[in-house]
Amino acid sequence: MSRHAVHQHHIHHRGRAFHFVAYEGEPANPARGKTAIEPAWYLMASGKRWEVMPTVAEQPEEERASQFQEWLDENVFS
């Protein structure tokens, strides 16, 4: 079973701190009735996680931070 390093990103937006974590995907397992899960970034808060966007290999950090801020504006502050 392969495991990659956990990627994390912390940002401050509109006076609040946010923590994002990238989870690797999982292949489908038809024998167990499980569909594939694509690699994605998740917002972590209050012991829960919310899917934010797909993981993009070698994405510049500034671009990723901008996309996180846009997601926060649309999903947290709207």
Protein backbone atom coordinates (compact mmCIF):
# COMPACT_ATOMS: atom_id res chain seq x y z
CA MET A 1 0.00 0.00 0.00
CA SER A 2 1.55 3.29 -1.05
CA ARG A 3 1.35 6.38 1.11
CA HIS A 4 2.54 9.82 0.14
CA ALA A 5 3.51 12.69 2.39
CA VAL A 6 0.56 14.65 3.70
CA HIS A 7 0.33 18.04 2.05
CA GLN A 8 -1.10 20.84 4.14
CA HIS A 9 -1.80 24.49 3.50
CA HIS A 10 -2.67 27.14 6.08
CA ILE A 11 -4.09 30.52 5.11
CA HIS A 12 -5.57 33.55 6.82
CA HIS A 13 -8.57 35.03 5.05
CA ARG A 14 -10.95 37.72 6.29
CA GLY A 15 -9.38 37.61 9.73
CA ARG A 16 -9.74 33.85 10.21
CA ALA A 17 -7.28 30.96 9.96
CA PHE A 18 -8.06 27.98 7.70
CA HIS A 19 -6.37 24.60 7.36
CA PHE A 20 -6.47 22.57 4.13
CA VAL A 21 -5.17 19.00 3.70
CA ALA A 22 -4.62 17.02 0.48
CA TYR A 23 -5.77 13.39 0.57
CA GLU A 24 -4.62 10.87 -2.01
CA GLY A 25 -7.24 9.09 -4.05
CA GLU A 26 -8.35 5.49 -3.75
CA PRO A 27 -9.07 3.10 -6.60
CA ALA A 28 -12.53 1.64 -7.03
CA ASN A 29 -13.25 -1.70 -5.38
CA PRO A 30 -16.30 -3.25 -7.07
CA ALA A 31 -16.14 -6.31 -4.80
CA ARG A 32 -16.89 -4.04 -1.84
CA GLY A 33 -19.18 -1.71 -3.73
CA LYS A 34 -16.79 1.25 -3.45
CA THR A 35 -16.31 3.82 -6.20
CA ALA A 36 -12.99 5.49 -6.94
CA ILE A 37 -12.05 8.58 -4.94
CA GLU A 38 -9.97 11.18 -6.78
CA PRO A 39 -7.11 12.99 -4.98
CA ALA A 40 -8.45 16.25 -3.54
CA TRP A 41 -7.91 19.13 -1.13
CA TYR A 42 -10.19 19.34 1.91
CA LEU A 43 -10.94 22.10 4.41
CA MET A 44 -10.44 20.80 7.95
CA ALA A 45 -12.50 22.36 10.76
CA SER A 46 -14.24 21.21 13.92
CA GLY A 47 -13.20 17.60 13.41
CA LYS A 48 -14.83 17.51 9.96
CA ARG A 49 -13.63 17.85 6.39
CA TRP A 50 -15.20 19.35 3.29
CA GLU A 51 -13.96 18.64 -0.22
CA VAL A 52 -12.69 21.83 -1.85
CA MET A 53 -11.03 20.98 -5.17
CA PRO A 54 -9.06 18.29 -7.00
CA THR A 55 -5.35 18.03 -6.31
CA VAL A 56 -3.25 19.41 -9.20
CA ALA A 57 0.33 18.14 -9.39
CA GLU A 58 2.98 20.86 -9.15
CA GLN A 59 0.40 23.66 -8.85
CA PRO A 60 2.04 26.94 -7.77
CA GLU A 61 1.32 27.72 -4.12
CA GLU A 62 0.07 31.24 -4.93
CA GLU A 63 -2.46 29.86 -7.42
CA ARG A 64 -3.65 27.24 -4.93
CA ALA A 65 -4.01 29.88 -2.17
CA SER A 66 -6.05 32.07 -4.51
CA GLN A 67 -8.37 29.16 -5.33
CA PHE A 68 -8.79 28.39 -1.62
CA GLN A 69 -9.74 32.03 -0.97
CA GLU A 70 -12.29 31.95 -3.81
CA TRP A 71 -13.77 28.74 -2.42
CA LEU A 72 -13.99 30.26 1.06
CA ASP A 73 -15.73 33.36 -0.30
CA GLU A 74 -18.30 31.21 -2.13
CA ASN A 75 -18.86 28.53 0.52
CA VAL A 76 -18.06 30.02 3.92
CA PHE A 77 -18.59 33.78 3.65
CA SER A 78 -21.54 33.92 1.24
